[in-house]
């Protein structure tokens, strides 16, 4: 992974976090659905089912925000690296051109 670009690593880490977040949300949703099944009265059952739905809704919103944030960070990093490479190439070309001008000597005057 040492040779990998960091923007790829950022995206991979975000995917791992999304998977763990979704797994935790599904676990919580299943717990609320189990409580709804065990509920004695209709208001308690409805409340547990609503909590299960809200849990998934909030989790998907958090995952979406996490994905957007990771994409923005990865894109920003990749863009800055492209700009840094372009700047380094331009500096190297300028240095090479300056060195070339120094080595060119004037022809002696004939006369």
PDB file of N, CA and C in Angstrom:
ATOM      1  N   UNK A   1       0.823  -1.198   0.000  1.00  0.00           N
ATOM      2  CA  UNK A   1       0.000   0.000   0.000  1.00  0.00           C
ATOM      3  C   UNK A   1       0.861   1.253   0.000  1.00  0.00           C
ATOM      4  N   UNK A   2       2.162   1.074   0.206  1.00  0.00           N
ATOM      5  CA  UNK A   2       3.046   2.234   0.238  1.00  0.00           C
ATOM      6  C   UNK A   2       3.113   2.915  -1.123  1.00  0.00           C
ATOM      7  N   UNK A   3       2.931   2.138  -2.188  1.00  0.00           N
ATOM      8  CA  UNK A   3       3.007   2.718  -3.528  1.00  0.00           C
ATOM      9  C   UNK A   3       1.670   3.277  -3.994  1.00  0.00           C
ATOM     10  N   UNK A   4       0.600   3.020  -3.252  1.00  0.00           N
ATOM     11  CA  UNK A   4      -0.735   3.452  -3.672  1.00  0.00           C
ATOM     12  C   UNK A   4      -0.877   4.963  -3.527  1.00  0.00           C
ATOM     13  N   UNK A   5      -1.691   5.531  -4.396  1.00  0.00           N
ATOM     14  CA  UNK A   5      -2.000   6.951  -4.269  1.00  0.00           C
ATOM     15  C   UNK A   5      -2.892   7.153  -3.058  1.00  0.00           C
ATOM     16  N   UNK A   6      -2.690   8.238  -2.376  1.00  0.00           N
ATOM     17  CA  UNK A   6      -3.467   8.477  -1.162  1.00  0.00           C
ATOM     18  C   UNK A   6      -4.943   8.718  -1.440  1.00  0.00           C
ATOM     19  N   UNK A   7      -5.289   9.225  -2.616  1.00  0.00           N
ATOM     20  CA  UNK A   7      -6.709   9.429  -2.894  1.00  0.00           C
ATOM     21  C   UNK A   7      -7.432   8.082  -2.952  1.00  0.00           C
ATOM     22  N   UNK A   8      -6.767   7.044  -3.448  1.00  0.00           N
ATOM     23  CA  UNK A   8      -7.366   5.710  -3.474  1.00  0.00           C
ATOM     24  C   UNK A   8      -7.509   5.181  -2.050  1.00  0.00           C
ATOM     25  N   UNK A   9      -6.500   5.421  -1.231  1.00  0.00           N
ATOM     26  CA  UNK A   9      -6.534   4.974   0.161  1.00  0.00           C
ATOM     27  C   UNK A   9      -7.666   5.676   0.918  1.00  0.00           C
ATOM     28  N   UNK A  10      -7.846   6.960   0.668  1.00  0.00           N
ATOM     29  CA  UNK A  10      -8.926   7.716   1.314  1.00  0.00           C
ATOM     30  C   UNK A  10     -10.277   7.100   0.970  1.00  0.00           C
ATOM     31  N   UNK A  11     -10.469   6.774  -0.296  1.00  0.00           N
ATOM     32  CA  UNK A  11     -11.740   6.175  -0.724  1.00  0.00           C
ATOM     33  C   UNK A  11     -11.939   4.785  -0.111  1.00  0.00           C
ATOM     34  N   UNK A  12     -10.868   4.001  -0.009  1.00  0.00           N
ATOM     35  CA  UNK A  12     -10.980   2.668   0.583  1.00  0.00           C
ATOM     36  C   UNK A  12     -11.347   2.751   2.060  1.00  0.00           C
ATOM     37  N   UNK A  13     -10.713   3.662   2.768  1.00  0.00           N
ATOM     38  CA  UNK A  13     -11.023   3.827   4.188  1.00  0.00           C
ATOM     39  C   UNK A  13     -12.468   4.271   4.391  1.00  0.00           C
ATOM     40  N   UNK A  14     -12.938   5.136   3.516  1.00  0.00           N
ATOM     41  CA  UNK A  14     -14.327   5.592   3.614  1.00  0.00           C
ATOM     42  C   UNK A  14     -15.283   4.427   3.387  1.00  0.00           C
ATOM     43  N   UNK A  15     -14.967   3.559   2.411  1.00  0.00           N
ATOM     44  CA  UNK A  15     -15.829   2.395   2.158  1.00  0.00           C
ATOM     45  C   UNK A  15     -15.869   1.469   3.374  1.00  0.00           C
ATOM     46  N   UNK A  16     -14.722   1.278   4.028  1.00  0.00           N
ATOM     47  CA  UNK A  16     -14.679   0.448   5.228  1.00  0.00           C
ATOM     48  C   UNK A  16     -15.527   1.056   6.337  1.00  0.00           C
ATOM     49  N   UNK A  17     -15.423   2.357   6.508  1.00  0.00           N
ATOM     50  CA  UNK A  17     -16.216   3.029   7.534  1.00  0.00           C
ATOM     51  C   UNK A  17     -17.703   2.942   7.217  1.00  0.00           C
ATOM     52  N   UNK A  18     -18.043   3.066   5.941  1.00  0.00           N
ATOM     53  CA  UNK A  18     -19.447   2.971   5.549  1.00  0.00           C
ATOM     54  C   UNK A  18     -20.008   1.589   5.850  1.00  0.00           C
ATOM     55  N   UNK A  19     -19.223   0.559   5.572  1.00  0.00           N
ATOM     56  CA  UNK A  19     -19.676  -0.806   5.830  1.00  0.00           C
ATOM     57  C   UNK A  19     -19.900  -1.034   7.319  1.00  0.00           C
ATOM     58  N   UNK A  20     -18.962  -0.563   8.138  1.00  0.00           N
ATOM     59  CA  UNK A  20     -19.117  -0.769   9.581  1.00  0.00           C
ATOM     60  C   UNK A  20     -20.276   0.048  10.133  1.00  0.00           C
ATOM     61  N   UNK A  21     -20.476   1.255   9.607  1.00  0.00           N
ATOM     62  CA  UNK A  21     -21.600   2.078  10.037  1.00  0.00           C
ATOM     63  C   UNK A  21     -22.925   1.443   9.653  1.00  0.00           C
ATOM     64  N   UNK A  22     -23.001   0.906   8.435  1.00  0.00           N
ATOM     65  CA  UNK A  22     -24.240   0.265   7.995  1.00  0.00           C
ATOM     66  C   UNK A  22     -24.504  -0.998   8.806  1.00  0.00           C
ATOM     67  N   UNK A  23     -23.468  -1.759   9.128  1.00  0.00           N
ATOM     68  CA  UNK A  23     -23.646  -2.964   9.941  1.00  0.00           C
ATOM     69  C   UNK A  23     -24.176  -2.604  11.332  1.00  0.00           C
ATOM     70  N   UNK A  24     -23.636  -1.541  11.922  1.00  0.00           N
ATOM     71  CA  UNK A  24     -24.098  -1.111  13.243  1.00  0.00           C
ATOM     72  C   UNK A  24     -25.543  -0.616  13.173  1.00  0.00           C
ATOM     73  N   UNK A  25     -25.885   0.095  12.107  1.00  0.00           N
ATOM     74  CA  UNK A  25     -27.253   0.594  11.955  1.00  0.00           C
ATOM     75  C   UNK A  25     -28.241  -0.554  11.780  1.00  0.00           C
ATOM     76  N   UNK A  26     -27.856  -1.557  11.008  1.00  0.00           N
ATOM     77  CA  UNK A  26     -28.748  -2.711  10.810  1.00  0.00           C
ATOM     78  C   UNK A  26     -28.930  -3.492  12.104  1.00  0.00           C
ATOM     79  N   UNK A  27     -27.866  -3.568  12.881  1.00  0.00           N
ATOM     80  CA  UNK A  27     -27.959  -4.244  14.181  1.00  0.00           C
ATOM     81  C   UNK A  27     -28.934  -3.503  15.097  1.00  0.00           C
ATOM     82  N   UNK A  28     -28.807  -2.186  15.117  1.00  0.00           N
ATOM     83  CA  UNK A  28     -29.702  -1.369  15.947  1.00  0.00           C
ATOM     84  C   UNK A  28     -31.138  -1.480  15.443  1.00  0.00           C
ATOM     85  N   UNK A  29     -31.328  -1.455  14.103  1.00  0.00           N
ATOM     86  CA  UNK A  29     -32.668  -1.584  13.512  1.00  0.00           C
ATOM     87  C   UNK A  29     -33.290  -2.923  13.885  1.00  0.00           C
ATOM     88  N   UNK A  30     -32.489  -3.986  13.797  1.00  0.00           N
ATOM     89  CA  UNK A  30     -32.998  -5.315  14.148  1.00  0.00           C
ATOM     90  C   UNK A  30     -33.385  -5.386  15.618  1.00  0.00           C
ATOM     91  N   UNK A  31     -32.615  -4.720  16.467  1.00  0.00           N
ATOM     92  CA  UNK A  31     -32.950  -4.692  17.897  1.00  0.00           C
ATOM     93  C   UNK A  31     -34.295  -4.006  18.120  1.00  0.00           C
ATOM     94  N   UNK A  32     -34.518  -2.884  17.440  1.00  0.00           N
ATOM     95  CA  UNK A  32     -35.796  -2.177  17.597  1.00  0.00           C
ATOM     96  C   UNK A  32     -36.956  -2.995  17.015  1.00  0.00           C
ATOM     97  N   UNK A  33     -36.719  -3.677  15.919  1.00  0.00           N
ATOM     98  CA  UNK A  33     -37.766  -4.528  15.357  1.00  0.00           C
ATOM     99  C   UNK A  33     -38.088  -5.694  16.282  1.00  0.00           C
ATOM    100  N   UNK A  34     -37.076  -6.236  16.954  1.00  0.00           N
ATOM    101  CA  UNK A  34     -37.307  -7.300  17.931  1.00  0.00           C
ATOM    102  C   UNK A  34     -38.132  -6.784  19.097  1.00  0.00           C
ATOM    103  N   UNK A  35     -37.799  -5.577  19.554  1.00  0.00           N
ATOM    104  CA  UNK A  35     -38.581  -4.976  20.642  1.00  0.00           C
ATOM    105  C   UNK A  35     -40.016  -4.713  20.190  1.00  0.00           C
ATOM    106  N   UNK A  36     -40.193  -4.344  18.939  1.00  0.00           N
ATOM    107  CA  UNK A  36     -41.551  -4.112  18.418  1.00  0.00           C
ATOM    108  C   UNK A  36     -42.336  -5.410  18.393  1.00  0.00           C
ATOM    109  N   UNK A  37     -41.682  -6.495  18.059  1.00  0.00           N
ATOM    110  CA  UNK A  37     -42.371  -7.786  18.029  1.00  0.00           C
ATOM    111  C   UNK A  37     -42.764  -8.237  19.429  1.00  0.00           C
ATOM    112  N   UNK A  38     -41.982  -7.851  20.414  1.00  0.00           N
ATOM    113  CA  UNK A  38     -42.261  -8.253  21.795  1.00  0.00           C
ATOM    114  C   UNK A  38     -43.195  -7.287  22.518  1.00  0.00           C
ATOM    115  N   UNK A  39     -43.480  -6.168  21.895  1.00  0.00           N
ATOM    116  CA  UNK A  39     -44.295  -5.136  22.557  1.00  0.00           C
ATOM    117  C   UNK A  39     -45.697  -5.661  22.851  1.00  0.00           C
ATOM    118  N   UNK A  40     -46.234  -5.225  23.966  1.00  0.00           N
ATOM    119  CA  UNK A  40     -47.543  -5.683  24.410  1.00  0.00           C
ATOM    120  C   UNK A  40     -48.691  -4.888  23.780  1.00  0.00           C
ATOM    121  N   UNK A  41     -48.467  -3.611  23.530  1.00  0.00           N
ATOM    122  CA  UNK A  41     -49.549  -2.784  22.991  1.00  0.00           C
ATOM    123  C   UNK A  41     -49.135  -2.111  21.685  1.00  0.00           C
ATOM    124  N   UNK A  42     -50.134  -1.616  20.960  1.00  0.00           N
ATOM    125  CA  UNK A  42     -49.905  -1.033  19.637  1.00  0.00           C
ATOM    126  C   UNK A  42     -49.039   0.226  19.683  1.00  0.00           C
ATOM    127  N   UNK A  43     -49.240   1.167  20.611  1.00  0.00           N
ATOM    128  CA  UNK A  43     -48.375   2.365  20.624  1.00  0.00           C
ATOM    129  C   UNK A  43     -46.888   2.025  20.830  1.00  0.00           C
ATOM    130  N   UNK A  44     -46.612   1.071  21.682  1.00  0.00           N
ATOM    131  CA  UNK A  44     -45.216   0.683  21.910  1.00  0.00           C
ATOM    132  C   UNK A  44     -44.636   0.026  20.652  1.00  0.00           C
ATOM    133  N   UNK A  45     -45.426  -0.801  20.003  1.00  0.00           N
ATOM    134  CA  UNK A  45     -44.977  -1.469  18.775  1.00  0.00           C
ATOM    135  C   UNK A  45     -44.697  -0.435  17.674  1.00  0.00           C
ATOM    136  N   UNK A  46     -45.622   0.512  17.528  1.00  0.00           N
ATOM    137  CA  UNK A  46     -45.435   1.559  16.512  1.00  0.00           C
ATOM    138  C   UNK A  46     -44.215   2.426  16.807  1.00  0.00           C
ATOM    139  N   UNK A  47     -44.009   2.707  18.087  1.00  0.00           N
ATOM    140  CA  UNK A  47     -42.867   3.521  18.488  1.00  0.00           C
ATOM    141  C   UNK A  47     -41.549   2.795  18.163  1.00  0.00           C
ATOM    142  N   UNK A  48     -41.477   1.518  18.435  1.00  0.00           N
ATOM    143  CA  UNK A  48     -40.260   0.743  18.142  1.00  0.00           C
ATOM    144  C   UNK A  48     -40.029   0.630  16.640  1.00  0.00           C
ATOM    145  N   UNK A  49     -41.093   0.436  15.890  1.00  0.00           N
ATOM    146  CA  UNK A  49     -40.950   0.363  14.431  1.00  0.00           C
ATOM    147  C   UNK A  49     -40.483   1.702  13.866  1.00  0.00           C
ATOM    148  N   UNK A  50     -41.010   2.791  14.404  1.00  0.00           N
ATOM    149  CA  UNK A  50     -40.591   4.107  13.949  1.00  0.00           C
ATOM    150  C   UNK A  50     -39.126   4.358  14.293  1.00  0.00           C
ATOM    151  N   UNK A  51     -38.704   3.914  15.476  1.00  0.00           N
ATOM    152  CA  UNK A  51     -37.288   4.042  15.845  1.00  0.00           C
ATOM    153  C   UNK A  51     -36.407   3.257  14.871  1.00  0.00           C
ATOM    154  N   UNK A  52     -36.861   2.088  14.465  1.00  0.00           N
ATOM    155  CA  UNK A  52     -36.096   1.283  13.511  1.00  0.00           C
ATOM    156  C   UNK A  52     -35.980   2.010  12.169  1.00  0.00           C
ATOM    157  N   UNK A  53     -37.080   2.586  11.702  1.00  0.00           N
ATOM    158  CA  UNK A  53     -37.046   3.329  10.435  1.00  0.00           C
ATOM    159  C   UNK A  53     -36.154   4.563  10.537  1.00  0.00           C
ATOM    160  N   UNK A  54     -36.288   5.276  11.654  1.00  0.00           N
ATOM    161  CA  UNK A  54     -35.465   6.482  11.850  1.00  0.00           C
ATOM    162  C   UNK A  54     -33.976   6.143  11.936  1.00  0.00           C
ATOM    163  N   UNK A  55     -33.666   5.029  12.566  1.00  0.00           N
ATOM    164  CA  UNK A  55     -32.273   4.596  12.667  1.00  0.00           C
ATOM    165  C   UNK A  55     -31.666   4.409  11.285  1.00  0.00           C
ATOM    166  N   UNK A  56     -32.378   3.723  10.407  1.00  0.00           N
ATOM    167  CA  UNK A  56     -31.860   3.497   9.059  1.00  0.00           C
ATOM    168  C   UNK A  56     -31.792   4.797   8.257  1.00  0.00           C
ATOM    169  N   UNK A  57     -32.761   5.651   8.448  1.00  0.00           N
ATOM    170  CA  UNK A  57     -32.759   6.927   7.724  1.00  0.00           C
ATOM    171  C   UNK A  57     -31.561   7.787   8.115  1.00  0.00           C
ATOM    172  N   UNK A  58     -31.310   7.870   9.417  1.00  0.00           N
ATOM    173  CA  UNK A  58     -30.179   8.666   9.903  1.00  0.00           C
ATOM    174  C   UNK A  58     -28.857   8.030   9.497  1.00  0.00           C
ATOM    175  N   UNK A  59     -28.792   6.721   9.513  1.00  0.00           N
ATOM    176  CA  UNK A  59     -27.557   6.034   9.125  1.00  0.00           C
ATOM    177  C   UNK A  59     -27.253   6.255   7.645  1.00  0.00           C
ATOM    178  N   UNK A  60     -28.260   6.163   6.804  1.00  0.00           N
ATOM    179  CA  UNK A  60     -28.009   6.384   5.370  1.00  0.00           C
ATOM    180  C   UNK A  60     -27.607   7.829   5.102  1.00  0.00           C
ATOM    181  N   UNK A  61     -28.179   8.767   5.852  1.00  0.00           N
ATOM    182  CA  UNK A  61     -27.781  10.164   5.698  1.00  0.00           C
ATOM    183  C   UNK A  61     -26.331  10.361   6.132  1.00  0.00           C
ATOM    184  N   UNK A  62     -25.942   9.728   7.233  1.00  0.00           N
ATOM    185  CA  UNK A  62     -24.559   9.837   7.702  1.00  0.00           C
ATOM    186  C   UNK A  62     -23.599   9.197   6.710  1.00  0.00           C
ATOM    187  N   UNK A  63     -23.990   8.071   6.151  1.00  0.00           N
ATOM    188  CA  UNK A  63     -23.142   7.397   5.158  1.00  0.00           C
ATOM    189  C   UNK A  63     -22.992   8.260   3.916  1.00  0.00           C
ATOM    190  N   UNK A  64     -24.070   8.891   3.494  1.00  0.00           N
ATOM    191  CA  UNK A  64     -24.017   9.772   2.327  1.00  0.00           C
ATOM    192  C   UNK A  64     -23.061  10.940   2.576  1.00  0.00           C
ATOM    193  N   UNK A  65     -23.153  11.542   3.773  1.00  0.00           N
ATOM    194  CA  UNK A  65     -22.258  12.651   4.115  1.00  0.00           C
ATOM    195  C   UNK A  65     -20.809  12.183   4.178  1.00  0.00           C
ATOM    196  N   UNK A  66     -20.595  10.996   4.723  1.00  0.00           N
ATOM    197  CA  UNK A  66     -19.256  10.432   4.795  1.00  0.00           C
ATOM    198  C   UNK A  66     -18.688  10.208   3.398  1.00  0.00           C
ATOM    199  N   UNK A  67     -19.509   9.686   2.498  1.00  0.00           N
ATOM    200  CA  UNK A  67     -19.066   9.444   1.122  1.00  0.00           C
ATOM    201  C   UNK A  67     -18.715  10.754   0.414  1.00  0.00           C
ATOM    202  N   UNK A  68     -19.556  11.735   0.569  1.00  0.00           N
ATOM    203  CA  UNK A  68     -19.295  13.030  -0.067  1.00  0.00           C
ATOM    204  C   UNK A  68     -18.012  13.644   0.481  1.00  0.00           C
ATOM    205  N   UNK A  69     -17.839  13.580   1.784  1.00  0.00           N
ATOM    206  CA  UNK A  69     -16.648  14.133   2.411  1.00  0.00           C
ATOM    207  C   UNK A  69     -15.390  13.411   1.935  1.00  0.00           C
ATOM    208  N   UNK A  70     -15.440  12.094   1.864  1.00  0.00           N
ATOM    209  CA  UNK A  70     -14.285  11.324   1.408  1.00  0.00           C
ATOM    210  C   UNK A  70     -13.981  11.611  -0.057  1.00  0.00           C
ATOM    211  N   UNK A  71     -15.021  11.703  -0.879  1.00  0.00           N
ATOM    212  CA  UNK A  71     -14.809  12.028  -2.291  1.00  0.00           C
ATOM    213  C   UNK A  71     -14.175  13.404  -2.452  1.00  0.00           C
ATOM    214  N   UNK A  72     -14.656  14.365  -1.687  1.00  0.00           N
ATOM    215  CA  UNK A  72     -14.091  15.717  -1.764  1.00  0.00           C
ATOM    216  C   UNK A  72     -12.624  15.726  -1.336  1.00  0.00           C
ATOM    217  N   UNK A  73     -12.315  15.012  -0.251  1.00  0.00           N
ATOM    218  CA  UNK A  73     -10.932  14.966   0.225  1.00  0.00           C
ATOM    219  C   UNK A  73     -10.028  14.269  -0.785  1.00  0.00           C
ATOM    220  N   UNK A  74     -10.494  13.159  -1.334  1.00  0.00           N
ATOM    221  CA  UNK A  74      -9.689  12.414  -2.306  1.00  0.00           C
ATOM    222  C   UNK A  74      -9.489  13.226  -3.582  1.00  0.00           C
ATOM    223  N   UNK A  75     -10.547  13.866  -4.058  1.00  0.00           N
ATOM    224  CA  UNK A  75     -10.426  14.694  -5.264  1.00  0.00           C
ATOM    225  C   UNK A  75      -9.496  15.877  -5.035  1.00  0.00           C
ATOM    226  N   UNK A  76      -9.600  16.495  -3.875  1.00  0.00           N
ATOM    227  CA  UNK A  76      -8.749  17.635  -3.544  1.00  0.00           C
ATOM    228  C   UNK A  76      -7.284  17.207  -3.487  1.00  0.00           C
ATOM    229  N   UNK A  77      -7.026  16.059  -2.870  1.00  0.00           N
ATOM    230  CA  UNK A  77      -5.656  15.563  -2.790  1.00  0.00           C
ATOM    231  C   UNK A  77      -5.110  15.271  -4.186  1.00  0.00           C
ATOM    232  N   UNK A  78      -5.893  14.578  -5.001  1.00  0.00           N
ATOM    233  CA  UNK A  78      -5.440  14.235  -6.357  1.00  0.00           C
ATOM    234  C   UNK A  78      -5.170  15.499  -7.178  1.00  0.00           C
ATOM    235  N   UNK A  79      -6.044  16.497  -7.039  1.00  0.00           N
ATOM    236  CA  UNK A  79      -5.870  17.753  -7.773  1.00  0.00           C
ATOM    237  C   UNK A  79      -4.593  18.469  -7.316  1.00  0.00           C
ATOM    238  N   UNK A  80      -4.362  18.501  -6.009  1.00  0.00           N
ATOM    239  CA  UNK A  80      -3.168  19.182  -5.511  1.00  0.00           C
ATOM    240  C   UNK A  80      -1.896  18.457  -5.937  1.00  0.00           C
ATOM    241  N   UNK A  81      -1.942  17.136  -6.013  1.00  0.00           N
ATOM    242  CA  UNK A  81      -0.767  16.392  -6.477  1.00  0.00           C
ATOM    243  C   UNK A  81      -0.510  16.648  -7.960  1.00  0.00           C
ATOM    244  N   UNK A  82      -1.569  16.718  -8.767  1.00  0.00           N
ATOM    245  CA  UNK A  82      -1.386  17.042 -10.192  1.00  0.00           C
ATOM    246  C   UNK A  82      -0.788  18.431 -10.351  1.00  0.00           C
ATOM    247  N   UNK A  83      -1.251  19.387  -9.552  1.00  0.00           N
ATOM    248  CA  UNK A  83      -0.724  20.747  -9.628  1.00  0.00           C
ATOM    249  C   UNK A  83       0.730  20.790  -9.166  1.00  0.00           C
ATOM    250  N   UNK A  84       1.062  20.015  -8.138  1.00  0.00           N
ATOM    251  CA  UNK A  84       2.443  19.988  -7.653  1.00  0.00           C
ATOM    252  C   UNK A  84       3.378  19.384  -8.695  1.00  0.00           C
ATOM    253  N   UNK A  85       2.937  18.333  -9.368  1.00  0.00           N
ATOM    254  CA  UNK A  85       3.753  17.717 -10.421  1.00  0.00           C
ATOM    255  C   UNK A  85       3.933  18.690 -11.576  1.00  0.00           C
ATOM    256  N   UNK A  86       2.866  19.374 -11.948  1.00  0.00           N
ATOM    257  CA  UNK A  86       2.959  20.351 -13.038  1.00  0.00           C
ATOM    258  C   UNK A  86       3.910  21.485 -12.672  1.00  0.00           C
ATOM    259  N   UNK A  87       3.844  21.953 -11.427  1.00  0.00           N
ATOM    260  CA  UNK A  87       4.735  23.018 -10.985  1.00  0.00           C
ATOM    261  C   UNK A  87       6.190  22.541 -10.960  1.00  0.00           C
ATOM    262  N   UNK A  88       6.416  21.322 -10.530  1.00  0.00           N
ATOM    263  CA  UNK A  88       7.775  20.776 -10.505  1.00  0.00           C
ATOM    264  C   UNK A  88       8.312  20.619 -11.923  1.00  0.00           C
ATOM    265  N   UNK A  89       7.466  20.162 -12.836  1.00  0.00           N
ATOM    266  CA  UNK A  89       7.882  20.040 -14.236  1.00  0.00           C
ATOM    267  C   UNK A  89       8.216  21.403 -14.830  1.00  0.00           C
ATOM    268  N   UNK A  90       7.414  22.392 -14.529  1.00  0.00           N
ATOM    269  CA  UNK A  90       7.665  23.740 -15.038  1.00  0.00           C
ATOM    270  C   UNK A  90       8.969  24.300 -14.472  1.00  0.00           C
ATOM    271  N   UNK A  91       9.227  24.065 -13.198  1.00  0.00           N
ATOM    272  CA  UNK A  91      10.459  24.541 -12.577  1.00  0.00           C
ATOM    273  C   UNK A  91      11.668  23.830 -13.184  1.00  0.00           C
ATOM    274  N   UNK A  92      11.533  22.529 -13.434  1.00  0.00           N
ATOM    275  CA  UNK A  92      12.638  21.783 -14.039  1.00  0.00           C
ATOM    276  C   UNK A  92      12.906  22.275 -15.462  1.00  0.00           C
ATOM    277  N   UNK A  93      11.867  22.565 -16.207  1.00  0.00           N
ATOM    278  CA  UNK A  93      12.033  23.079 -17.567  1.00  0.00           C
ATOM    279  C   UNK A  93      12.690  24.452 -17.548  1.00  0.00           C
ATOM    280  N   UNK A  94      12.289  25.290 -16.598  1.00  0.00           N
ATOM    281  CA  UNK A  94      12.882  26.622 -16.497  1.00  0.00           C
ATOM    282  C   UNK A  94      14.356  26.524 -16.128  1.00  0.00           C
ATOM    283  N   UNK A  95      14.697  25.636 -15.225  1.00  0.00           N
ATOM    284  CA  UNK A  95      16.082  25.447 -14.828  1.00  0.00           C
ATOM    285  C   UNK A  95      16.917  24.929 -15.992  1.00  0.00           C
ATOM    286  N   UNK A  96      16.354  24.003 -16.720  1.00  0.00           N
ATOM    287  CA  UNK A  96      17.045  23.447 -17.881  1.00  0.00           C
ATOM    288  C   UNK A  96      17.277  24.517 -18.941  1.00  0.00           C
ATOM    289  N   UNK A  97      16.279  25.350 -19.155  1.00  0.00           N
ATOM    290  CA  UNK A  97      16.394  26.437 -20.139  1.00  0.00           C
ATOM    291  C   UNK A  97      17.441  27.450 -19.699  1.00  0.00           C
ATOM    292  N   UNK A  98      17.492  27.766 -18.413  1.00  0.00           N
ATOM    293  CA  UNK A  98      18.485  28.711 -17.902  1.00  0.00           C
ATOM    294  C   UNK A  98      19.895  28.134 -18.040  1.00  0.00           C
ATOM    295  N   UNK A  99      20.049  26.862 -17.775  1.00  0.00           N
ATOM    296  CA  UNK A  99      21.355  26.219 -17.904  1.00  0.00           C
ATOM    297  C   UNK A  99      21.786  26.186 -19.359  1.00  0.00           C
ATOM    298  N   UNK A 100      20.839  25.992 -20.239  1.00  0.00           N
ATOM    299  CA  UNK A 100      21.136  25.955 -21.677  1.00  0.00           C
ATOM    300  C   UNK A 100      21.610  27.327 -22.161  1.00  0.00           C
ATOM    301  N   UNK A 101      21.007  28.389 -21.658  1.00  0.00           N
ATOM    302  CA  UNK A 101      21.404  29.740 -22.052  1.00  0.00           C
ATOM    303  C   UNK A 101      22.807  30.070 -21.559  1.00  0.00           C
ATOM    304  N   UNK A 102      23.194  29.564 -20.408  1.00  0.00           N
ATOM    305  CA  UNK A 102      24.519  29.841 -19.856  1.00  0.00           C
ATOM    306  C   UNK A 102      25.611  29.162 -20.659  1.00  0.00           C
ATOM    307  N   UNK A 103      25.291  27.974 -21.199  1.00  0.00           N
ATOM    308  CA  UNK A 103      26.327  27.220 -21.911  1.00  0.00           C
ATOM    309  C   UNK A 103      26.536  27.729 -23.327  1.00  0.00           C
ATOM    310  N   UNK A 104      25.575  28.433 -23.875  1.00  0.00           N
ATOM    311  CA  UNK A 104      25.724  28.966 -25.224  1.00  0.00           C
ATOM    312  C   UNK A 104      26.692  30.149 -25.166  1.00  0.00           C
ATOM    313  N   UNK A 105      27.776  30.068 -25.967  1.00  0.00           N
ATOM    314  CA  UNK A 105      28.776  31.136 -25.950  1.00  0.00           C
ATOM    315  C   UNK A 105      28.640  31.965 -27.210  1.00  0.00           C
ATOM    316  N   UNK A 106      29.064  33.166 -27.105  1.00  0.00           N
ATOM    317  CA  UNK A 106      29.046  34.050 -28.285  1.00  0.00           C
ATOM    318  C   UNK A 106      30.167  33.650 -29.225  1.00  0.00           C
ATOM    319  N   UNK A 107      29.904  33.780 -30.506  1.00  0.00           N
ATOM    320  CA  UNK A 107      30.952  33.505 -31.513  1.00  0.00           C
ATOM    321  C   UNK A 107      31.925  34.685 -31.497  1.00  0.00           C
ATOM    322  N   UNK A 108      33.213  34.394 -31.643  1.00  0.00           N
ATOM    323  CA  UNK A 108      34.168  35.493 -31.678  1.00  0.00           C
ATOM    324  C   UNK A 108      34.003  36.310 -32.972  1.00  0.00           C
ATOM    325  N   UNK A 109      34.202  37.556 -32.878  1.00  0.00           N
ATOM    326  CA  UNK A 109      34.042  38.442 -34.043  1.00  0.00           C
ATOM    327  C   UNK A 109      35.162  38.198 -35.036  1.00  0.00           C
ATOM    328  N   UNK A 110      34.790  38.080 -36.303  1.00  0.00           N
ATOM    329  CA  UNK A 110      35.802  37.863 -37.345  1.00  0.00           C
ATOM    330  C   UNK A 110      36.383  39.215 -37.741  1.00  0.00           C
ATOM    331  N   UNK A 111      37.585  39.226 -37.933  1.00  0.00           N
ATOM    332  CA  UNK A 111      38.015  40.496 -38.319  1.00  0.00           C
ATOM    333  C   UNK A 111      39.342  40.837 -38.549  1.00  0.00           C
TER     334      UNK A 111
END
